[in-house]
PDB file of N, CA and C in Angstrom:
ATOM      1  N   MET A   1      63.812 -42.327  66.542  1.00  0.00           N
ATOM      2  CA  MET A   1      62.974 -42.784  64.922  1.00  0.00           C
ATOM      3  C   MET A   1      63.551 -42.412  64.106  1.00  0.00           C
ATOM      4  N   GLU A   2      63.470 -43.342  62.894  1.00  0.00           N
ATOM      5  CA  GLU A   2      64.313 -42.889  61.861  1.00  0.00           C
ATOM      6  C   GLU A   2      63.417 -42.351  60.846  1.00  0.00           C
ATOM      7  N   VAL A   3      64.008 -42.026  59.677  1.00  0.00           N
ATOM      8  CA  VAL A   3      63.119 -41.390  58.820  1.00  0.00           C
ATOM      9  C   VAL A   3      62.153 -41.907  58.352  1.00  0.00           C
ATOM     10  N   ASN A   4      62.351 -43.294  57.894  1.00  0.00           N
ATOM     11  CA  ASN A   4      61.346 -44.561  57.386  1.00  0.00           C
ATOM     12  C   ASN A   4      60.658 -44.804  58.626  1.00  0.00           C
ATOM     13  N   ASP A   5      60.548 -44.700  59.598  1.00  0.00           N
ATOM     14  CA  ASP A   5      59.396 -44.953  60.571  1.00  0.00           C
ATOM     15  C   ASP A   5      58.671 -43.675  60.840  1.00  0.00           C
ATOM     16  N   VAL A   6      59.123 -42.346  60.390  1.00  0.00           N
ATOM     17  CA  VAL A   6      58.399 -41.348  60.306  1.00  0.00           C
ATOM     18  C   VAL A   6      57.629 -41.602  58.794  1.00  0.00           C
ATOM     19  N   LEU A   7      57.784 -41.628  57.908  1.00  0.00           N
ATOM     20  CA  LEU A   7      56.918 -41.828  56.779  1.00  0.00           C
ATOM     21  C   LEU A   7      56.301 -42.850  56.486  1.00  0.00           C
ATOM     22  N   VAL A   8      56.390 -44.228  57.356  1.00  0.00           N
ATOM     23  CA  VAL A   8      55.550 -45.318  57.289  1.00  0.00           C
ATOM     24  C   VAL A   8      54.366 -44.870  58.573  1.00  0.00           C
ATOM     25  N   LEU A   9      54.622 -44.211  59.510  1.00  0.00           N
ATOM     26  CA  LEU A   9      53.690 -43.757  60.122  1.00  0.00           C
ATOM     27  C   LEU A   9      52.900 -42.445  59.557  1.00  0.00           C
ATOM     28  N   VAL A  10      53.344 -41.311  58.795  1.00  0.00           N
ATOM     29  CA  VAL A  10      52.740 -40.691  58.011  1.00  0.00           C
ATOM     30  C   VAL A  10      51.802 -41.529  56.866  1.00  0.00           C
ATOM     31  N   LEU A  11      52.147 -42.443  56.450  1.00  0.00           N
ATOM     32  CA  LEU A  11      51.591 -43.202  55.076  1.00  0.00           C
ATOM     33  C   LEU A  11      50.125 -43.873  55.920  1.00  0.00           C
ATOM     34  N   ILE A  12      50.662 -44.485  57.412  1.00  0.00           N
ATOM     35  CA  ILE A  12      49.617 -45.101  58.132  1.00  0.00           C
ATOM     36  C   ILE A  12      48.537 -44.216  58.071  1.00  0.00           C
ATOM     37  N   VAL A  13      48.644 -42.709  58.621  1.00  0.00           N
ATOM     38  CA  VAL A  13      47.329 -41.920  58.952  1.00  0.00           C
ATOM     39  C   VAL A  13      47.133 -41.618  57.998  1.00  0.00           C
ATOM     40  N   ALA A  14      47.665 -41.206  56.737  1.00  0.00           N
ATOM     41  CA  ALA A  14      47.100 -40.550  55.329  1.00  0.00           C
ATOM     42  C   ALA A  14      46.143 -41.742  55.037  1.00  0.00           C
ATOM     43  N   ALA A  15      46.586 -43.132  55.363  1.00  0.00           N
ATOM     44  CA  ALA A  15      45.594 -44.212  54.637  1.00  0.00           C
ATOM     45  C   ALA A  15      44.634 -44.478  55.687  1.00  0.00           C
ATOM     46  N   LEU A  16      44.773 -44.379  56.791  1.00  0.00           N
ATOM     47  CA  LEU A  16      43.505 -44.133  57.700  1.00  0.00           C
ATOM     48  C   LEU A  16      42.604 -43.151  57.222  1.00  0.00           C
ATOM     49  N   GLY A  17      42.995 -41.911  57.164  1.00  0.00           N
ATOM     50  CA  GLY A  17      42.194 -40.653  56.649  1.00  0.00           C
ATOM     51  C   GLY A  17      41.629 -40.710  55.232  1.00  0.00           C
ATOM     52  N   LEU A  18      42.275 -41.241  54.345  1.00  0.00           N
ATOM     53  CA  LEU A  18      41.202 -41.962  53.177  1.00  0.00           C
ATOM     54  C   LEU A  18      40.604 -42.949  53.297  1.00  0.00           C
ATOM     55  N   THR A  19      40.853 -43.877  54.128  1.00  0.00           N
ATOM     56  CA  THR A  19      39.978 -44.699  54.480  1.00  0.00           C
ATOM     57  C   THR A  19      38.609 -44.109  55.297  1.00  0.00           C
ATOM     58  N   GLY A  20      38.261 -43.448  56.016  1.00  0.00           N
ATOM     59  CA  GLY A  20      37.581 -42.643  56.748  1.00  0.00           C
ATOM     60  C   GLY A  20      36.818 -41.748  55.656  1.00  0.00           C
ATOM     61  N   VAL A  21      37.577 -41.236  54.705  1.00  0.00           N
ATOM     62  CA  VAL A  21      36.650 -40.262  53.576  1.00  0.00           C
ATOM     63  C   VAL A  21      36.192 -41.367  52.851  1.00  0.00           C
ATOM     64  N   ALA A  22      36.835 -42.569  52.299  1.00  0.00           N
ATOM     65  CA  ALA A  22      36.022 -43.666  51.306  1.00  0.00           C
ATOM     66  C   ALA A  22      34.717 -43.925  52.344  1.00  0.00           C
ATOM     67  N   ALA A  23      35.044 -44.433  53.776  1.00  0.00           N
ATOM     68  CA  ALA A  23      33.638 -44.715  54.365  1.00  0.00           C
ATOM     69  C   ALA A  23      32.626 -43.791  54.291  1.00  0.00           C
ATOM     70  N   TRP A  24      32.917 -42.625  54.508  1.00  0.00           N
ATOM     71  CA  TRP A  24      31.593 -41.486  54.645  1.00  0.00           C
ATOM     72  C   TRP A  24      31.446 -41.351  53.420  1.00  0.00           C
ATOM     73  N   ALA A  25      32.431 -41.337  51.835  1.00  0.00           N
ATOM     74  CA  ALA A  25      31.608 -41.171  50.828  1.00  0.00           C
ATOM     75  C   ALA A  25      30.772 -42.460  50.660  1.00  0.00           C
ATOM     76  N   SER A  26      31.039 -43.451  50.991  1.00  0.00           N
ATOM     77  CA  SER A  26      30.260 -44.706  50.594  1.00  0.00           C
ATOM     78  C   SER A  26      28.775 -44.556  51.482  1.00  0.00           C
ATOM     79  N   VAL A  27      29.214 -43.897  52.769  1.00  0.00           N
ATOM     80  CA  VAL A  27      27.303 -43.993  53.411  1.00  0.00           C
ATOM     81  C   VAL A  27      26.651 -42.616  52.610  1.00  0.00           C
ATOM     82  N   GLU A  28      27.290 -41.781  52.240  1.00  0.00           N
ATOM     83  CA  GLU A  28      26.607 -40.617  51.578  1.00  0.00           C
ATOM     84  C   GLU A  28      25.993 -41.146  50.132  1.00  0.00           C
ATOM     85  N   VAL A  29      26.726 -41.750  49.384  1.00  0.00           N
ATOM     86  CA  VAL A  29      26.292 -42.853  48.190  1.00  0.00           C
ATOM     87  C   VAL A  29      24.951 -43.380  48.844  1.00  0.00           C
ATOM     88  N   ALA A  30      24.815 -44.367  49.647  1.00  0.00           N
ATOM     89  CA  ALA A  30      23.991 -45.267  49.803  1.00  0.00           C
ATOM     90  C   ALA A  30      22.864 -44.304  50.431  1.00  0.00           C
ATOM     91  N   ARG A  31      22.995 -42.826  50.826  1.00  0.00           N
ATOM     92  CA  ARG A  31      21.983 -42.267  51.078  1.00  0.00           C
ATOM     93  C   ARG A  31      21.370 -41.498  49.935  1.00  0.00           C
ATOM     94  N   THR A  32      22.007 -41.475  49.380  1.00  0.00           N
ATOM     95  CA  THR A  32      21.961 -41.167  48.073  1.00  0.00           C
ATOM     96  C   THR A  32      20.826 -41.560  46.722  1.00  0.00           C
ATOM     97  N   ALA A  33      21.496 -43.176  47.114  1.00  0.00           N
ATOM     98  CA  ALA A  33      20.924 -43.914  46.234  1.00  0.00           C
ATOM     99  C   ALA A  33      19.217 -44.489  46.709  1.00  0.00           C
ATOM    100  N   ARG A  34      19.427 -44.081  48.028  1.00  0.00           N
ATOM    101  CA  ARG A  34      17.990 -44.566  49.010  1.00  0.00           C
ATOM    102  C   ARG A  34      16.905 -43.735  48.681  1.00  0.00           C
ATOM    103  N   SER A  35      17.574 -42.225  48.576  1.00  0.00           N
ATOM    104  CA  SER A  35      16.582 -41.192  48.307  1.00  0.00           C
ATOM    105  C   SER A  35      16.117 -41.212  46.844  1.00  0.00           C
ATOM    106  N   VAL A  36      17.094 -41.464  45.815  1.00  0.00           N
ATOM    107  CA  VAL A  36      16.608 -41.777  44.403  1.00  0.00           C
ATOM    108  C   VAL A  36      15.685 -42.813  44.374  1.00  0.00           C
ATOM    109  N   ARG A  37      15.578 -44.061  45.363  1.00  0.00           N
ATOM    110  CA  ARG A  37      14.948 -44.697  44.991  1.00  0.00           C
ATOM    111  C   ARG A  37      13.563 -44.498  45.458  1.00  0.00           C
ATOM    112  N   GLN A  38      13.332 -43.800  46.585  1.00  0.00           N
ATOM    113  CA  GLN A  38      11.967 -43.351  47.106  1.00  0.00           C
ATOM    114  C   GLN A  38      11.466 -42.492  46.371  1.00  0.00           C
ATOM    115  N   ILE A  39      12.260 -41.408  45.505  1.00  0.00           N
ATOM    116  CA  ILE A  39      11.750 -40.320  44.700  1.00  0.00           C
ATOM    117  C   ILE A  39      10.971 -41.220  43.203  1.00  0.00           C
ATOM    118  N   THR A  40      12.088 -41.952  42.644  1.00  0.00           N
ATOM    119  CA  THR A  40      11.383 -43.053  41.643  1.00  0.00           C
ATOM    120  C   THR A  40      10.418 -43.982  42.150  1.00  0.00           C
ATOM    121  N   ASP A  41      10.007 -44.386  43.363  1.00  0.00           N
ATOM    122  CA  ASP A  41       9.045 -45.222  43.742  1.00  0.00           C
ATOM    123  C   ASP A  41       7.713 -44.179  43.946  1.00  0.00           C
ATOM    124  N   GLN A  42       8.132 -42.820  44.117  1.00  0.00           N
ATOM    125  CA  GLN A  42       6.837 -41.820  44.232  1.00  0.00           C
ATOM    126  C   GLN A  42       6.419 -41.572  42.820  1.00  0.00           C
ATOM    127  N   LEU A  43       7.381 -41.423  41.894  1.00  0.00           N
ATOM    128  CA  LEU A  43       7.008 -41.006  40.490  1.00  0.00           C
ATOM    129  C   LEU A  43       6.314 -42.221  39.749  1.00  0.00           C
ATOM    130  N   ASP A  44       6.670 -43.271  40.150  1.00  0.00           N
ATOM    131  CA  ASP A  44       5.997 -44.382  39.416  1.00  0.00           C
ATOM    132  C   ASP A  44       4.466 -44.520  39.998  1.00  0.00           C
ATOM    133  N   GLY A  45       4.293 -44.038  41.127  1.00  0.00           N
ATOM    134  CA  GLY A  45       2.854 -43.955  41.535  1.00  0.00           C
ATOM    135  C   GLY A  45       2.064 -42.874  40.966  1.00  0.00           C
ATOM    136  N   LYS A  46       2.839 -41.869  40.170  1.00  0.00           N
ATOM    137  CA  LYS A  46       1.945 -40.786  40.164  1.00  0.00           C
ATOM    138  C   LYS A  46       2.152 -40.488  38.532  1.00  0.00           C
ATOM    139  N   PHE A  47       3.062 -41.034  37.795  1.00  0.00           N
ATOM    140  CA  PHE A  47       3.043 -40.808  36.534  1.00  0.00           C
ATOM    141  C   PHE A  47       2.315 -41.516  35.600  1.00  0.00           C
ATOM    142  N   PRO A  48       1.931 -42.960  35.648  1.00  0.00           N
ATOM    143  CA  PRO A  48       1.390 -43.776  35.181  1.00  0.00           C
ATOM    144  C   PRO A  48      -0.371 -43.340  34.950  1.00  0.00           C
ATOM    145  N   PRO A  49      -0.861 -42.511  36.203  1.00  0.00           N
ATOM    146  CA  PRO A  49      -2.217 -41.905  35.955  1.00  0.00           C
ATOM    147  C   PRO A  49      -2.311 -40.812  35.474  1.00  0.00           C
ATOM    148  N   LEU A  50      -1.132 -39.812  35.346  1.00  0.00           N
ATOM    149  CA  LEU A  50      -1.141 -38.780  34.565  1.00  0.00           C
ATOM    150  C   LEU A  50      -0.900 -39.143  32.836  1.00  0.00           C
ATOM    151  N   ILE A  51      -0.057 -40.269  32.354  1.00  0.00           N
ATOM    152  CA  ILE A  51      -0.065 -40.669  31.476  1.00  0.00           C
ATOM    153  C   ILE A  51      -1.622 -41.134  30.913  1.00  0.00           C
ATOM    154  N   ASP A  52      -2.036 -42.059  31.806  1.00  0.00           N
ATOM    155  CA  ASP A  52      -3.542 -42.163  31.010  1.00  0.00           C
ATOM    156  C   ASP A  52      -4.332 -40.924  30.906  1.00  0.00           C
ATOM    157  N   LYS A  53      -4.269 -40.225  31.556  1.00  0.00           N
ATOM    158  CA  LYS A  53      -4.824 -38.984  31.626  1.00  0.00           C
ATOM    159  C   LYS A  53      -4.729 -38.235  30.167  1.00  0.00           C
ATOM    160  N   ALA A  54      -3.446 -38.145  29.964  1.00  0.00           N
ATOM    161  CA  ALA A  54      -2.836 -37.578  28.785  1.00  0.00           C
ATOM    162  C   ALA A  54      -3.252 -38.308  27.798  1.00  0.00           C
ATOM    163  N   ASP A  55      -3.219 -39.439  27.585  1.00  0.00           N
ATOM    164  CA  ASP A  55      -3.708 -40.606  26.547  1.00  0.00           C
ATOM    165  C   ASP A  55      -5.261 -40.421  26.582  1.00  0.00           C
ATOM    166  N   ALA A  56      -6.050 -40.399  27.294  1.00  0.00           N
ATOM    167  CA  ALA A  56      -7.565 -40.336  26.931  1.00  0.00           C
ATOM    168  C   ALA A  56      -7.542 -38.689  26.794  1.00  0.00           C
ATOM    169  N   SER A  57      -7.161 -37.683  26.990  1.00  0.00           N
ATOM    170  CA  SER A  57      -7.175 -36.346  26.526  1.00  0.00           C
ATOM    171  C   SER A  57      -6.951 -36.470  25.032  1.00  0.00           C
ATOM    172  N   LEU A  58      -5.678 -36.936  24.499  1.00  0.00           N
ATOM    173  CA  LEU A  58      -5.639 -36.682  22.948  1.00  0.00           C
ATOM    174  C   LEU A  58      -6.311 -37.640  22.278  1.00  0.00           C
ATOM    175  N   ASP A  59      -6.921 -38.561  22.822  1.00  0.00           N
ATOM    176  CA  ASP A  59      -8.035 -39.533  21.906  1.00  0.00           C
ATOM    177  C   ASP A  59      -9.149 -38.788  21.882  1.00  0.00           C
ATOM    178  N   LEU A  60      -9.499 -37.944  23.049  1.00  0.00           N
ATOM    179  CA  LEU A  60     -10.679 -37.031  22.880  1.00  0.00           C
ATOM    180  C   LEU A  60     -10.535 -35.880  21.891  1.00  0.00           C
ATOM    181  N   LEU A  61      -9.243 -35.410  21.959  1.00  0.00           N
ATOM    182  CA  LEU A  61      -8.746 -34.263  20.982  1.00  0.00           C
ATOM    183  C   LEU A  61      -9.061 -34.908  19.643  1.00  0.00           C
ATOM    184  N   ASN A  62      -8.282 -35.945  19.261  1.00  0.00           N
ATOM    185  CA  ASN A  62      -8.354 -36.675  18.346  1.00  0.00           C
ATOM    186  C   ASN A  62      -9.822 -36.834  17.476  1.00  0.00           C
ATOM    187  N   ALA A  63     -10.646 -37.288  18.203  1.00  0.00           N
ATOM    188  CA  ALA A  63     -12.245 -37.317  18.164  1.00  0.00           C
ATOM    189  C   ALA A  63     -12.617 -36.274  17.587  1.00  0.00           C
ATOM    190  N   GLU A  64     -12.173 -34.992  18.490  1.00  0.00           N
ATOM    191  CA  GLU A  64     -13.141 -33.887  17.904  1.00  0.00           C
ATOM    192  C   GLU A  64     -12.512 -33.320  16.770  1.00  0.00           C
ATOM    193  N   MET A  65     -11.219 -33.246  16.572  1.00  0.00           N
ATOM    194  CA  MET A  65     -10.678 -32.950  15.413  1.00  0.00           C
ATOM    195  C   MET A  65     -11.199 -33.995  13.854  1.00  0.00           C
ATOM    196  N   MET A  66     -11.093 -35.061  14.007  1.00  0.00           N
ATOM    197  CA  MET A  66     -12.058 -35.984  13.143  1.00  0.00           C
ATOM    198  C   MET A  66     -13.456 -35.404  13.043  1.00  0.00           C
ATOM    199  N   ARG A  67     -14.357 -35.071  14.022  1.00  0.00           N
ATOM    200  CA  ARG A  67     -15.812 -34.288  13.945  1.00  0.00           C
ATOM    201  C   ARG A  67     -15.426 -33.094  13.089  1.00  0.00           C
ATOM    202  N   ILE A  68     -14.594 -32.198  13.251  1.00  0.00           N
ATOM    203  CA  ILE A  68     -14.343 -30.885  12.959  1.00  0.00           C
ATOM    204  C   ILE A  68     -14.025 -31.205  11.476  1.00  0.00           C
ATOM    205  N   ASP A  69     -13.305 -32.160  11.085  1.00  0.00           N
ATOM    206  CA  ASP A  69     -12.692 -32.622   9.817  1.00  0.00           C
ATOM    207  C   ASP A  69     -14.157 -32.828   9.016  1.00  0.00           C
ATOM    208  N   GLY A  70     -14.818 -33.432   9.607  1.00  0.00           N
ATOM    209  CA  GLY A  70     -15.959 -33.760   9.073  1.00  0.00           C
ATOM    210  C   GLY A  70     -16.966 -32.427   8.497  1.00  0.00           C
ATOM    211  N   ILE A  71     -16.933 -32.063   9.382  1.00  0.00           N
ATOM    212  CA  ILE A  71     -17.902 -30.418   9.452  1.00  0.00           C
ATOM    213  C   ILE A  71     -17.361 -29.343   8.160  1.00  0.00           C
ATOM    214  N   VAL A  72     -15.976 -29.638   8.256  1.00  0.00           N
ATOM    215  CA  VAL A  72     -15.448 -28.854   7.362  1.00  0.00           C
ATOM    216  C   VAL A  72     -15.616 -29.686   5.861  1.00  0.00           C
ATOM    217  N   SER A  73     -15.614 -30.932   5.569  1.00  0.00           N
ATOM    218  CA  SER A  73     -16.020 -31.741   4.491  1.00  0.00           C
ATOM    219  C   SER A  73     -17.196 -31.341   4.166  1.00  0.00           C
ATOM    220  N   GLN A  74     -18.235 -31.458   4.998  1.00  0.00           N
ATOM    221  CA  GLN A  74     -19.684 -30.793   4.351  1.00  0.00           C
ATOM    222  C   GLN A  74     -19.778 -29.603   4.104  1.00  0.00           C
ATOM    223  N   VAL A  75     -19.167 -28.636   4.799  1.00  0.00           N
ATOM    224  CA  VAL A  75     -19.015 -27.060   4.347  1.00  0.00           C
ATOM    225  C   VAL A  75     -18.577 -27.216   2.955  1.00  0.00           C
ATOM    226  N   GLU A  76     -17.370 -27.824   2.760  1.00  0.00           N
ATOM    227  CA  GLU A  76     -16.997 -27.705   1.148  1.00  0.00           C
ATOM    228  C   GLU A  76     -17.982 -28.370   0.399  1.00  0.00           C
ATOM    229  N   GLU A  77     -18.734 -29.430   0.710  1.00  0.00           N
ATOM    230  CA  GLU A  77     -19.843 -30.272  -0.594  1.00  0.00           C
ATOM    231  C   GLU A  77     -20.852 -28.788  -0.595  1.00  0.00           C
ATOM    232  N   VAL A  78     -21.073 -27.970   0.601  1.00  0.00           N
ATOM    233  CA  VAL A  78     -22.304 -27.712   0.257  1.00  0.00           C
ATOM    234  C   VAL A  78     -21.804 -26.069  -0.488  1.00  0.00           C
ATOM    235  N   SER A  79     -20.622 -25.800  -0.221  1.00  0.00           N
ATOM    236  CA  SER A  79     -19.968 -24.497  -1.009  1.00  0.00           C
ATOM    237  C   SER A  79     -19.904 -24.946  -2.416  1.00  0.00           C
ATOM    238  N   ASP A  80     -19.548 -26.366  -3.069  1.00  0.00           N
ATOM    239  CA  ASP A  80     -19.558 -26.774  -4.122  1.00  0.00           C
ATOM    240  C   ASP A  80     -20.544 -26.646  -4.976  1.00  0.00           C
ATOM    241  N   ARG A  81     -21.488 -27.252  -3.878  1.00  0.00           N
ATOM    242  CA  ARG A  81     -23.063 -27.318  -4.725  1.00  0.00           C
ATOM    243  C   ARG A  81     -23.922 -25.839  -5.128  1.00  0.00           C
ATOM    244  N   MET A  82     -23.406 -25.017  -3.758  1.00  0.00           N
ATOM    245  CA  MET A  82     -23.878 -23.264  -3.914  1.00  0.00           C
ATOM    246  C   MET A  82     -23.213 -23.069  -5.418  1.00  0.00           C
ATOM    247  N   ASN A  83     -22.053 -23.127  -5.439  1.00  0.00           N
ATOM    248  CA  ASN A  83     -21.378 -22.649  -6.844  1.00  0.00           C
ATOM    249  C   ASN A  83     -22.074 -22.995  -7.900  1.00  0.00           C
ATOM    250  N   THR A  84     -22.047 -24.585  -7.816  1.00  0.00           N
ATOM    251  CA  THR A  84     -22.973 -25.087  -9.288  1.00  0.00           C
ATOM    252  C   THR A  84     -24.152 -24.394  -9.543  1.00  0.00           C
ATOM    253  N   THR A  85     -25.308 -24.339  -8.033  1.00  0.00           N
ATOM    254  CA  THR A  85     -26.404 -23.960  -8.253  1.00  0.00           C
ATOM    255  C   THR A  85     -26.034 -22.375  -8.902  1.00  0.00           C
ATOM    256  N   SER A  86     -25.489 -21.692  -8.040  1.00  0.00           N
ATOM    257  CA  SER A  86     -25.401 -20.062  -8.707  1.00  0.00           C
ATOM    258  C   SER A  86     -25.220 -19.878 -10.355  1.00  0.00           C
ATOM    259  N   GLU A  87     -23.873 -21.155 -10.933  1.00  0.00           N
ATOM    260  CA  GLU A  87     -23.721 -21.091 -12.442  1.00  0.00           C
ATOM    261  C   GLU A  87     -24.699 -21.324 -12.811  1.00  0.00           C
ATOM    262  N   THR A  88     -25.597 -22.326 -12.680  1.00  0.00           N
ATOM    263  CA  THR A  88     -27.000 -22.475 -13.345  1.00  0.00           C
ATOM    264  C   THR A  88     -28.083 -21.763 -13.361  1.00  0.00           C
ATOM    265  N   VAL A  89     -28.283 -21.171 -11.935  1.00  0.00           N
ATOM    266  CA  VAL A  89     -29.121 -19.758 -11.987  1.00  0.00           C
ATOM    267  C   VAL A  89     -28.544 -18.731 -13.092  1.00  0.00           C
ATOM    268  N   ASN A  90     -27.156 -18.285 -12.953  1.00  0.00           N
ATOM    269  CA  ASN A  90     -26.882 -17.264 -13.916  1.00  0.00           C
ATOM    270  C   ASN A  90     -26.948 -17.466 -15.539  1.00  0.00           C
ATOM    271  N   ASP A  91     -26.906 -18.817 -15.568  1.00  0.00           N
ATOM    272  CA  ASP A  91     -27.113 -19.141 -17.265  1.00  0.00           C
ATOM    273  C   ASP A  91     -28.448 -19.122 -17.569  1.00  0.00           C
ATOM    274  N   VAL A  92     -29.418 -19.620 -16.500  1.00  0.00           N
ATOM    275  CA  VAL A  92     -30.688 -19.647 -16.911  1.00  0.00           C
ATOM    276  C   VAL A  92     -31.134 -18.011 -16.908  1.00  0.00           C
ATOM    277  N   VAL A  93     -30.762 -17.287 -16.218  1.00  0.00           N
ATOM    278  CA  VAL A  93     -31.213 -16.267 -16.417  1.00  0.00           C
ATOM    279  C   VAL A  93     -30.368 -15.173 -17.352  1.00  0.00           C
ATOM    280  N   ARG A  94     -29.158 -15.132 -17.734  1.00  0.00           N
ATOM    281  CA  ARG A  94     -28.573 -14.837 -18.665  1.00  0.00           C
ATOM    282  C   ARG A  94     -29.254 -15.272 -20.041  1.00  0.00           C
ATOM    283  N   ALA A  95     -29.191 -16.236 -20.367  1.00  0.00           N
ATOM    284  CA  ALA A  95     -30.070 -17.000 -22.081  1.00  0.00           C
ATOM    285  C   ALA A  95     -31.279 -16.090 -22.179  1.00  0.00           C
ATOM    286  N   PRO A  96     -32.288 -15.896 -21.390  1.00  0.00           N
ATOM    287  CA  PRO A  96     -33.503 -14.924 -21.949  1.00  0.00           C
ATOM    288  C   PRO A  96     -33.109 -13.501 -21.913  1.00  0.00           C
ATOM    289  N   LEU A  97     -31.947 -13.325 -20.887  1.00  0.00           N
ATOM    290  CA  LEU A  97     -31.625 -11.485 -21.458  1.00  0.00           C
ATOM    291  C   LEU A  97     -30.813 -11.579 -22.485  1.00  0.00           C
ATOM    292  N   ALA A  98     -30.134 -12.369 -22.952  1.00  0.00           N
ATOM    293  CA  ALA A  98     -29.083 -12.522 -24.117  1.00  0.00           C
ATOM    294  C   ALA A  98     -30.332 -12.634 -25.320  1.00  0.00           C
ATOM    295  N   PHE A  99     -31.181 -12.928 -25.522  1.00  0.00           N
ATOM    296  CA  PHE A  99     -32.164 -13.290 -26.418  1.00  0.00           C
ATOM    297  C   PHE A  99     -32.983 -11.764 -26.365  1.00  0.00           C
ATOM    298  N   ILE A 100     -33.169 -11.404 -25.509  1.00  0.00           N
ATOM    299  CA  ILE A 100     -33.742 -10.031 -25.461  1.00  0.00           C
ATOM    300  C   ILE A 100     -33.017  -8.971 -25.788  1.00  0.00           C
ATOM    301  N   VAL A 101     -31.823  -9.132 -25.649  1.00  0.00           N
ATOM    302  CA  VAL A 101     -30.973  -7.985 -25.997  1.00  0.00           C
ATOM    303  C   VAL A 101     -30.668  -8.067 -27.613  1.00  0.00           C
ATOM    304  N   GLY A 102     -30.215  -9.295 -27.789  1.00  0.00           N
ATOM    305  CA  GLY A 102     -30.544  -9.599 -29.024  1.00  0.00           C
ATOM    306  C   GLY A 102     -31.669  -9.518 -30.005  1.00  0.00           C
ATOM    307  N   PHE A 103     -32.614  -9.468 -29.812  1.00  0.00           N
ATOM    308  CA  PHE A 103     -33.843  -9.132 -30.439  1.00  0.00           C
ATOM    309  C   PHE A 103     -33.797  -7.275 -30.441  1.00  0.00           C
ATOM    310  N   ALA A 104     -33.830  -7.165 -29.802  1.00  0.00           N
ATOM    311  CA  ALA A 104     -33.671  -5.528 -29.454  1.00  0.00           C
ATOM    312  C   ALA A 104     -32.638  -4.661 -30.364  1.00  0.00           C
ATOM    313  N   ASP A 105     -31.703  -5.545 -30.264  1.00  0.00           N
ATOM    314  CA  ASP A 105     -30.593  -4.864 -31.377  1.00  0.00           C
ATOM    315  C   ASP A 105     -31.148  -4.932 -32.667  1.00  0.00           C
ATOM    316  N   ARG A 106     -31.771  -6.263 -33.083  1.00  0.00           N
ATOM    317  CA  ARG A 106     -32.313  -6.495 -34.206  1.00  0.00           C
ATOM    318  C   ARG A 106     -33.432  -5.494 -34.613  1.00  0.00           C
ATOM    319  N   VAL A 107     -34.286  -5.315 -33.784  1.00  0.00           N
ATOM    320  CA  VAL A 107     -35.241  -4.382 -34.019  1.00  0.00           C
ATOM    321  C   VAL A 107     -34.681  -3.013 -34.406  1.00  0.00           C
ATOM    322  N   ARG A 108     -33.737  -2.397 -33.395  1.00  0.00           N
ATOM    323  CA  ARG A 108     -33.215  -1.011 -33.572  1.00  0.00           C
ATOM    324  C   ARG A 108     -32.727  -1.066 -34.651  1.00  0.00           C
ATOM    325  N   ARG A 109     -31.960  -2.148 -35.566  1.00  0.00           N
ATOM    326  CA  ARG A 109     -31.572  -2.197 -36.805  1.00  0.00           C
ATOM    327  C   ARG A 109     -32.269  -1.930 -37.948  1.00  0.00           C
ATOM    328  N   ALA A 110     -33.145  -2.632 -37.648  1.00  0.00           N
ATOM    329  CA  ALA A 110     -34.449  -2.683 -38.711  1.00  0.00           C
ATOM    330  C   ALA A 110     -34.978  -1.077 -38.967  1.00  0.00           C
ATOM    331  N   ARG A 111     -35.301  -0.608 -37.471  1.00  0.00           N
ATOM    332  CA  ARG A 111     -35.891   0.925 -37.426  1.00  0.00           C
ATOM    333  C   ARG A 111     -34.982   2.066 -38.402  1.00  0.00           C
ATOM    334  N   GLU A 112     -33.316   1.152 -37.748  1.00  0.00           N
ATOM    335  CA  GLU A 112     -32.669   2.493 -38.758  1.00  0.00           C
ATOM    336  C   GLU A 112     -32.777   2.176 -39.927  1.00  0.00           C
ATOM    337  N   GLN A 113     -32.870   0.877 -40.780  1.00  0.00           N
ATOM    338  CA  GLN A 113     -32.754   0.691 -41.954  1.00  0.00           C
ATOM    339  C   GLN A 113     -34.159   1.357 -42.534  1.00  0.00           C
ATOM    340  N   ARG A 114     -35.068   1.738 -41.804  1.00  0.00           N
ATOM    341  CA  ARG A 114     -36.324   1.813 -42.265  1.00  0.00           C
ATOM    342  C   ARG A 114     -36.412   3.328 -42.438  1.00  0.00           C
ATOM    343  N   ALA A 115     -35.574   3.736 -41.211  1.00  0.00           N
ATOM    344  CA  ALA A 115     -35.613   5.569 -41.388  1.00  0.00           C
ATOM    345  C   ALA A 115     -34.762   6.053 -42.375  1.00  0.00           C
ATOM    346  N   ASP A 116     -33.812   5.210 -42.939  1.00  0.00           N
ATOM    347  CA  ASP A 116     -32.577   5.552 -43.921  1.00  0.00           C
ATOM    348  C   ASP A 116     -33.415   5.695 -45.213  1.00  0.00           C
TER     349      ASP A 116
END
């Protein structure tokens, strides 16, 4: 056998080995693709109900937040009214007291002037 015949034989054996490896890799890729397809089919069955539940939960949370916002707005309105009322009561109570203090001061000055 010549060197060329030996090299051809080695190349043929290497090509057969590479063909076998390529066939094995193709089978593994097909198995992996089938497994991925099964997993995605299972997830397709599970995720839409979860997404629907999450959507419903977010809608409920949004409704509760709007309700809380309404309550906070009402509390702010009541607080503003209480502030206005307390200022009015303060003014009403302070006016006669200011008058009485002024009157008492004038009486005191008048007494002091008479005493002099």
